[in-house]
Structure formats: C-alpha cells, structure tokens
Protein backbone atom coordinates (compact mmCIF):
# COMPACT_ATOMS: atom_id res chain seq x y z
CA UNK A 1 -5.77 -5.00 -3.08
CA UNK A 2 -4.88 -2.16 -0.73
CA UNK A 3 -7.27 -2.88 2.07
CA UNK A 4 -7.44 -2.31 5.77
CA UNK A 5 -6.59 -4.88 8.45
CA UNK A 6 -9.45 -7.54 8.57
CA UNK A 7 -11.63 -7.30 11.42
CA UNK A 8 -10.47 -10.94 12.33
CA UNK A 9 -7.25 -10.29 14.61
CA UNK A 10 -4.88 -10.63 11.57
CA UNK A 11 -3.87 -7.12 12.39
CA UNK A 12 -4.10 -7.11 16.15
CA UNK A 13 -1.34 -7.32 18.89
CA UNK A 14 -0.54 -10.67 20.21
CA UNK A 15 -1.16 -9.19 23.75
CA UNK A 16 -4.50 -8.28 22.99
CA UNK A 17 -5.73 -10.89 20.41
CA UNK A 18 -3.87 -14.04 19.32
CA UNK A 19 -2.26 -14.77 22.58
CA UNK A 20 -4.91 -13.65 24.77
CA UNK A 21 -7.37 -16.24 23.51
CA UNK A 22 -5.01 -19.19 22.47
CA UNK A 23 -2.58 -18.80 25.29
CA UNK A 24 -5.05 -19.21 28.27
CA UNK A 25 -6.26 -22.56 26.45
CA UNK A 26 -2.30 -23.63 26.79
CA UNK A 27 -1.63 -22.13 30.44
CA UNK A 28 0.31 -24.50 32.38
CA UNK A 29 0.92 -26.94 29.53
CA UNK A 30 3.07 -27.50 26.44
CA UNK A 31 1.21 -28.29 23.15
CA UNK A 32 3.78 -29.87 20.69
CA UNK A 33 1.15 -29.93 17.88
CA UNK A 34 0.05 -26.46 18.17
CA UNK A 35 3.58 -25.24 18.44
CA UNK A 36 4.24 -27.11 15.05
CA UNK A 37 1.16 -25.42 13.61
CA UNK A 38 2.57 -22.05 14.60
CA UNK A 39 5.67 -22.85 13.19
CA UNK A 40 3.94 -24.08 9.76
CA UNK A 41 1.89 -20.75 9.76
CA UNK A 42 5.02 -18.68 9.92
CA UNK A 43 6.59 -20.74 7.25
CA UNK A 44 3.49 -20.34 5.15
CA UNK A 45 3.68 -16.68 5.22
CA UNK A 46 0.68 -16.25 7.52
CA UNK A 47 0.80 -13.02 9.78
CA UNK A 48 1.25 -13.23 13.10
CA UNK A 49 -1.55 -11.00 14.83
CA UNK A 50 0.15 -7.72 15.98
CA UNK A 51 -0.44 -3.73 15.61
CA UNK A 52 1.22 -1.21 17.30
CA UNK A 53 -1.42 0.70 19.09
CA UNK A 54 -5.07 -0.10 19.70
CA UNK A 55 -8.36 1.97 19.51
CA UNK A 56 -9.96 2.57 22.89
CA UNK A 57 -13.61 2.40 22.26
CA UNK A 58 -16.32 2.52 25.08
CA UNK A 59 -15.80 2.02 28.98
CA UNK A 60 -13.54 3.45 31.36
CA UNK A 61 -11.28 0.34 31.89
CA UNK A 62 -9.75 1.10 28.26
CA UNK A 63 -10.47 -2.23 27.12
CA UNK A 64 -11.93 -2.62 23.60
CA UNK A 65 -15.50 -3.88 23.16
CA UNK A 66 -14.41 -6.28 20.35
CA UNK A 67 -12.13 -7.96 22.40
CA UNK A 68 -14.14 -11.44 22.66
CA UNK A 69 -14.79 -11.06 18.91
CA UNK A 70 -11.03 -10.64 18.20
CA UNK A 71 -10.52 -13.95 20.54
CA UNK A 72 -13.03 -15.77 18.26
CA UNK A 73 -11.52 -14.71 15.18
CA UNK A 74 -7.99 -15.51 16.04
CA UNK A 75 -9.32 -19.14 17.02
CA UNK A 76 -11.10 -19.42 13.65
CA UNK A 77 -7.99 -18.06 11.84
CA UNK A 78 -5.84 -20.92 13.42
CA UNK A 79 -7.73 -23.60 11.27
CA UNK A 80 -7.89 -21.32 8.20
CA UNK A 81 -6.47 -21.27 4.99
CA UNK A 82 -3.26 -19.46 4.69
CA UNK A 83 -4.00 -15.88 4.52
CA UNK A 84 -4.20 -13.88 0.87
CA UNK A 85 -1.42 -11.55 -0.21
CA UNK A 86 -2.02 -7.95 0.41
CA UNK A 87 -0.25 -5.59 -1.79
CA UNK A 88 0.15 -1.79 -1.97
CA UNK A 89 -0.22 -2.03 -5.65
CA UNK A 90 -2.26 -1.19 -8.05
CA UNK A 91 -3.81 1.50 -6.65
CA UNK A 92 -2.61 4.90 -5.40
CA UNK A 93 -3.83 4.10 -1.92
CA UNK A 94 -1.21 2.01 -0.18
CA UNK A 95 -2.45 -1.14 1.90
CA UNK A 96 -3.09 -0.34 5.64
CA UNK A 97 -1.41 -3.75 6.47
CA UNK A 98 2.24 -4.44 6.85
CA UNK A 99 3.31 -7.69 5.16
CA UNK A 100 4.35 -9.34 8.92
CA UNK A 101 7.31 -10.38 10.66
CA UNK A 102 10.05 -12.55 8.59
CA UNK A 103 7.83 -11.93 5.60
CA UNK A 104 9.45 -10.76 2.09
CA UNK A 105 6.77 -9.35 -0.51
CA UNK A 106 8.23 -8.11 -4.07
CA UNK A 107 5.76 -6.01 -5.72
CA UNK A 108 6.20 -5.30 -9.54
CA UNK A 109 4.79 -3.69 -12.61
CA UNK A 110 4.72 -1.56 -15.82
CA UNK A 111 3.01 1.46 -16.65
CA UNK A 112 2.32 3.25 -19.77
CA UNK A 113 1.25 7.07 -19.71
CA UNK A 114 0.17 9.14 -22.51
CA UNK A 115 -0.07 13.31 -22.48
CA UNK A 116 -0.60 15.71 -24.87
CA UNK A 117 -0.68 19.37 -24.30
CA UNK A 118 -0.20 22.62 -26.48
CA UNK A 119 0.95 20.61 -29.53
CA UNK A 120 3.56 18.24 -27.62
CA UNK A 121 2.96 14.60 -27.01
CA UNK A 122 4.53 12.70 -24.01
CA UNK A 123 4.52 9.06 -23.99
CA UNK A 124 6.40 7.18 -21.02
CA UNK A 125 7.04 3.65 -19.98
CA UNK A 126 7.76 2.93 -16.35
CA UNK A 127 9.03 -0.25 -15.03
CA UNK A 128 9.49 -2.69 -13.19
CA UNK A 129 7.65 -0.48 -10.18
CA UNK A 130 9.83 -2.61 -7.83
CA UNK A 131 8.77 -2.16 -4.28
CA UNK A 132 10.42 -4.80 -1.89
CA UNK A 133 8.86 -4.98 1.45
CA UNK A 134 10.23 -7.39 4.40
CA UNK A 135 9.02 -7.51 7.84
CA UNK A 136 11.46 -6.85 10.89
CA UNK A 137 11.57 -7.34 14.52
CA UNK A 138 7.38 -7.23 14.86
CA UNK A 139 4.66 -7.92 12.90
CA UNK A 140 3.64 -4.38 12.76
CA UNK A 141 6.94 -2.96 11.17
CA UNK A 142 8.28 -3.61 7.80
CA UNK A 143 10.99 -1.62 5.67
CA UNK A 144 10.57 -0.71 2.12
CA UNK A 145 12.95 -0.23 -0.76
CA UNK A 146 11.29 1.10 -4.36
CA UNK A 147 13.27 1.68 -7.68
CA UNK A 148 11.72 2.32 -10.78
CA UNK A 149 13.06 3.18 -14.49
CA UNK A 150 11.42 5.55 -17.17
CA UNK A 151 11.57 5.85 -20.74
CA UNK A 152 10.02 8.82 -22.27
CA UNK A 153 9.38 10.41 -25.74
CA UNK A 154 8.47 13.73 -26.25
CA UNK A 155 7.40 14.57 -29.95
CA UNK A 156 6.27 18.03 -31.37
CA UNK A 157 6.80 20.95 -33.90
CA UNK A 158 8.51 18.18 -36.37
CA UNK A 159 11.14 16.49 -33.89
CA UNK A 160 11.42 14.04 -31.10
CA UNK A 161 13.70 13.15 -28.37
CA UNK A 162 13.78 10.09 -26.03
CA UNK A 163 15.31 9.61 -22.45
CA UNK A 164 15.63 6.56 -20.18
CA UNK A 165 17.30 6.29 -16.76
CA UNK A 166 16.61 5.52 -13.16
CA UNK A 167 14.37 7.34 -10.82
CA UNK A 168 15.54 8.04 -7.14
CA UNK A 169 15.60 4.98 -5.00
CA UNK A 170 13.10 5.35 -2.38
CA UNK A 171 13.61 4.08 1.06
CA UNK A 172 11.07 3.88 4.20
CA UNK A 173 9.24 1.90 6.91
CA UNK A 174 5.67 1.18 7.24
CA UNK A 175 4.05 0.99 10.56
CA UNK A 176 0.68 -0.95 11.52
CA UNK A 177 -0.94 1.46 13.88
CA UNK A 178 -4.23 -0.10 14.71
CA UNK A 179 -7.11 -2.43 13.43
CA UNK A 180 -10.63 -1.38 12.73
CA UNK A 181 -12.80 -1.28 15.78
CA UNK A 182 -16.34 -0.42 15.31
CA UNK A 183 -16.76 2.69 13.10
CA UNK A 184 -12.85 3.55 13.82
CA UNK A 185 -10.47 2.74 11.02
CA UNK A 186 -7.45 0.49 10.50
CA UNK A 187 -4.51 2.73 10.21
CA UNK A 188 -0.96 2.59 8.90
CA UNK A 189 2.00 5.11 8.77
CA UNK A 190 4.62 5.23 6.24
CA UNK A 191 7.75 7.10 6.53
CA UNK A 192 9.93 7.57 3.66
CA UNK A 193 12.63 9.31 1.43
CA UNK A 194 13.58 9.59 -1.83
CA UNK A 195 17.71 9.47 -2.04
CA UNK A 196 19.40 11.39 -5.45
CA UNK A 197 20.35 8.14 -7.03
CA UNK A 198 18.39 8.72 -10.30
CA UNK A 199 19.56 9.50 -13.76
CA UNK A 200 20.26 13.27 -14.40
CA UNK A 201 16.91 14.04 -16.12
CA UNK A 202 14.96 12.20 -13.16
CA UNK A 203 16.72 12.74 -9.95
CA UNK A 204 15.23 15.11 -7.56
CA UNK A 205 18.89 16.27 -6.62
CA UNK A 206 18.82 16.02 -2.76
CA UNK A 207 17.19 13.72 -0.25
CA UNK A 208 13.14 14.17 0.00
CA UNK A 209 11.55 13.16 3.06
CA UNK A 210 7.83 12.13 3.01
CA UNK A 211 4.92 10.54 4.99
CA UNK A 212 1.70 9.07 4.28
CA UNK A 213 -1.24 8.21 6.62
CA UNK A 214 -3.62 5.40 5.50
CA UNK A 215 -6.95 4.50 7.04
CA UNK A 216 -9.83 2.15 6.00
CA UNK A 217 -12.79 0.30 6.83
CA UNK A 218 -14.31 -3.45 5.88
CA UNK A 219 -17.63 -1.93 5.21
CA UNK A 220 -19.28 -5.61 4.42
CA UNK A 221 -17.01 -8.34 5.42
CA UNK A 222 -15.25 -10.40 2.65
CA UNK A 223 -16.87 -8.23 0.15
CA UNK A 224 -16.63 -4.55 0.46
CA UNK A 225 -13.91 -2.22 1.88
CA UNK A 226 -13.06 1.38 1.76
CA UNK A 227 -9.55 3.03 1.98
CA UNK A 228 -8.17 6.15 1.59
CA UNK A 229 -4.85 8.26 2.19
CA UNK A 230 -3.19 11.67 3.16
CA UNK A 231 0.43 12.40 1.92
CA UNK A 232 2.97 15.08 2.04
CA UNK A 233 6.20 14.69 0.32
CA UNK A 234 9.10 17.26 -0.37
CA UNK A 235 9.29 18.13 -4.28
CA UNK A 236 11.14 19.73 -6.93
CA UNK A 237 9.34 21.86 -9.56
CA UNK A 238 10.46 22.68 -13.23
CA UNK A 239 12.08 25.84 -12.03
CA UNK A 240 14.43 23.89 -9.50
CA UNK A 241 12.37 24.89 -6.49
CA UNK A 242 11.38 22.79 -3.93
CA UNK A 243 7.73 22.52 -2.68
CA UNK A 244 5.65 20.37 -0.76
CA UNK A 245 3.51 18.05 -2.69
CA UNK A 246 0.13 17.23 -0.92
CA UNK A 247 -1.79 14.08 -1.91
CA UNK A 248 -5.36 12.54 -1.12
CA UNK A 249 -7.27 9.34 -2.12
CA UNK A 250 -10.38 7.35 -1.76
CA UNK A 251 -10.62 3.82 -2.98
CA UNK A 252 -13.46 1.59 -3.00
CA UNK A 253 -12.72 -2.50 -3.27
CA UNK A 254 -15.17 -5.36 -3.97
CA UNK A 255 -14.30 -8.71 -3.51
CA UNK A 256 -16.22 -10.83 -6.55
CA UNK A 257 -14.43 -14.04 -5.43
CA UNK A 258 -12.10 -15.09 -3.26
CA UNK A 259 -9.51 -14.41 -5.88
CA UNK A 260 -10.97 -12.08 -7.93
CA UNK A 261 -11.19 -8.02 -6.77
CA UNK A 262 -12.11 -4.96 -8.37
CA UNK A 263 -11.52 -1.29 -7.55
CA UNK A 264 -12.63 2.10 -8.41
CA UNK A 265 -10.50 5.01 -7.05
CA UNK A 266 -10.11 8.84 -6.99
CA UNK A 267 -7.11 10.72 -6.07
CA UNK A 268 -5.37 14.16 -6.28
CA UNK A 269 -1.84 15.65 -6.32
CA UNK A 270 -1.64 19.14 -5.07
CA UNK A 271 1.52 21.32 -5.00
CA UNK A 272 2.07 23.53 -2.01
CA UNK A 273 4.57 26.40 -2.78
CA UNK A 274 5.60 25.62 -6.38
CA UNK A 275 6.38 28.58 -8.51
CA UNK A 276 6.41 26.62 -12.00
CA UNK A 277 3.17 27.42 -13.87
CA UNK A 278 3.27 24.10 -15.38
CA UNK A 279 3.10 22.44 -11.62
CA UNK A 280 -0.46 22.62 -10.88
CA UNK A 281 -3.32 19.97 -9.15
CA UNK A 282 -3.45 16.76 -10.89
CA UNK A 283 -6.82 14.73 -10.01
CA UNK A 284 -7.20 11.39 -11.75
CA UNK A 285 -9.81 8.54 -11.61
CA UNK A 286 -8.75 4.75 -12.03
CA UNK A 287 -10.21 1.56 -11.87
CA UNK A 288 -9.00 -2.18 -12.33
CA UNK A 289 -8.76 -5.67 -10.59
CA UNK A 290 -6.41 -7.90 -8.78
CA UNK A 291 -6.38 -11.85 -9.28
CA UNK A 292 -4.77 -14.09 -6.94
CA UNK A 293 -3.27 -17.04 -8.66
CA UNK A 294 -2.11 -18.72 -5.21
CA UNK A 295 -2.68 -16.97 -1.90
CA UNK A 296 1.10 -15.68 -2.48
CA UNK A 297 0.80 -14.65 -5.82
CA UNK A 298 -1.22 -11.65 -7.30
CA UNK A 299 -1.85 -10.47 -10.70
CA UNK A 300 -3.30 -7.01 -11.36
CA UNK A 301 -4.23 -4.41 -14.00
CA UNK A 302 -5.58 -0.97 -14.10
CA UNK A 303 -6.30 2.00 -16.33
CA UNK A 304 -6.77 6.10 -15.42
CA UNK A 305 -7.64 9.06 -16.68
CA UNK A 306 -6.58 12.44 -15.50
CA UNK A 307 -9.07 15.05 -14.86
CA UNK A 308 -7.75 18.33 -15.89
CA UNK A 309 -5.12 19.73 -18.15
CA UNK A 310 -2.50 19.38 -15.78
CA UNK A 311 -2.68 15.61 -15.25
CA UNK A 312 -1.85 13.08 -17.93
CA UNK A 313 -4.49 12.07 -20.49
CA UNK A 314 -4.37 8.50 -19.38
CA UNK A 315 -2.50 5.45 -18.07
CA UNK A 316 -2.63 1.60 -18.15
CA UNK A 317 -0.71 -0.55 -16.36
CA UNK A 318 0.03 -4.43 -15.36
CA UNK A 319 1.66 -5.60 -12.34
CA UNK A 320 2.74 -9.00 -10.72
CA UNK A 321 3.26 -9.54 -6.75
CA UNK A 322 4.75 -12.35 -4.57
CA UNK A 323 5.36 -13.21 -1.13
CA UNK A 324 7.92 -15.62 -0.11
C-alpha cells in the first residue's frame, strides 16, 4: 500500500540510523557473519536505511530526538523478516517510500471506467498500467518509467466508435526526503514528465512536466496510516490549450493482518487555466485492498465513484506488483 516511511528506520539515512547503531558495535573488528547477513538482506530486497534529509526536532544541537529509537529499530530490523513490498498503486496517492538501491519493482494493473453524460456513454479499458521503478546510486533515489494503453468506446445518438492506442510515455525520478519524526510527516518528491509518444488521439503533443509532493504518518504502528499528496502537472484540454492540472489527495490505510490492507481515499483534479468548458474539477472517492501473497508479490483491487458531473461515473480495477 502507499504508506509513509515506517518509523523503524527503513527510510532513514545510513549515517543517521543503520550504521550509527550497528557500526559502533563493529568498530575495530570485521564481522564476517554480519557482512554475509547484510549481503543476504540486499539480495532479498530489504531496503538499506537511507533518506536524503532529516527533520530537525527539538534541541539546539540539530540532533533528532528519535535517534535512540532509530538505533533500536535498526537493530530489531536486522533480525526481522524481509520487509514487505510497498507500492504506488492502487491508490491515486503514491507511496512516500522508494524501492531501495539496486531493487527493481514492476507494478501493473487494469481499470474499467464508465461515464454517461448528455446521452453519450463512454467506456474505457486501460492496461497494463505498467510502472517500472528501480533504485540507483542510493536508497533515497529511484528512476521511474510508466506506459499504458487505452481502449475507448463511445456510444450515443444511435452510433458508436472505438479507439485503441498507447498513452504518452511517463519518465521520472522519486526522492525519499525524510522519514516521520514525531508529528512531522514522512515525505517524498516525484519529478516527472510525459513525452509525446502516444497514439494520435491520446498524445498530449509535447513534453509535459509535473511534480508530486507526498507526505504520510503512521498513526498506529503496524495498523493505521494516513497519507496525502499535492501535485501540479502541465496538461492539454479539449481545445488544444495548455493548462496546469492541480491535484490533492488523502488516503487512510488499515492493516487488518500482516498480508491484508484496506484503504479509503478522496482525491480531486483541479484544472487551472483551462478554456474548454468540458474541463472542470473532478473529485473522486475510492476504496480497495491489497494482499501480499509473498513479501515481494502483491495483488490489489479498487473501486471508485466520481462525485460531480465532470468526473467519470465509476471505475473498478485490479493489479499485480512484483519486486525483484
């Protein structure tokens, strides 16, 4: 599920967390067993504790109040099971965690969307909703490649038409900024752009940049988390006029078991500067679940409703994500 960096150091820097606690114990000597264990963890997909920044809470020394807890959390993690996969899907709100250095993660899915307005019905199928995420250089940095296809059927006034094609390729990077510190949220930042590679009826015709800020809190450890996002992306309306598409989201995630999570989410798309009358704000509500078959394999499902006449009437979807 999209969730914040856990408070057990899985999103903290090696300097501030993992190596501070364990490295002090190893100072002055080489530990072959520990080295082998670290290599095994890397192969199994466990994320090395690393972030780009750190919240500065309390005191004039600049040290975080939670450093002692960080060390304890890292020591506990070293003997725990492989950390479960964390995905950006199926919620609109992305996860505030990165996949980790040298880790590859593929997220895929299918969505059916239905809308009816002014006597015209539009049904669309999108697949495979592929998002390839891979960590490079450090645990706080990942690259992202997204590709999707859409099949749309429009019916009304006694006639119908269908179109199928590829959407524009989406490229980006994700930065893990800071993990949760007391009441301050875990944060991440996505910088992305779409390139005009899609089919003629789906392409946005030029490179369109975007930015997404993500924040989250673990409210009840291993049980309840709250996440949200704020984003701005350049877009094209029905009159071929470019505008800024703003978006905001909030999602609550409950962990019913170690494998099963459920969520409820609200989000809204707000066009700024669009001149096409059909381009208006689109609020949605959706809920769903994720099930971890293994720590590195996740299934998901979701269903949502549009909350005004600009938004699609409803959508349903399924997904599969795997970590290598």
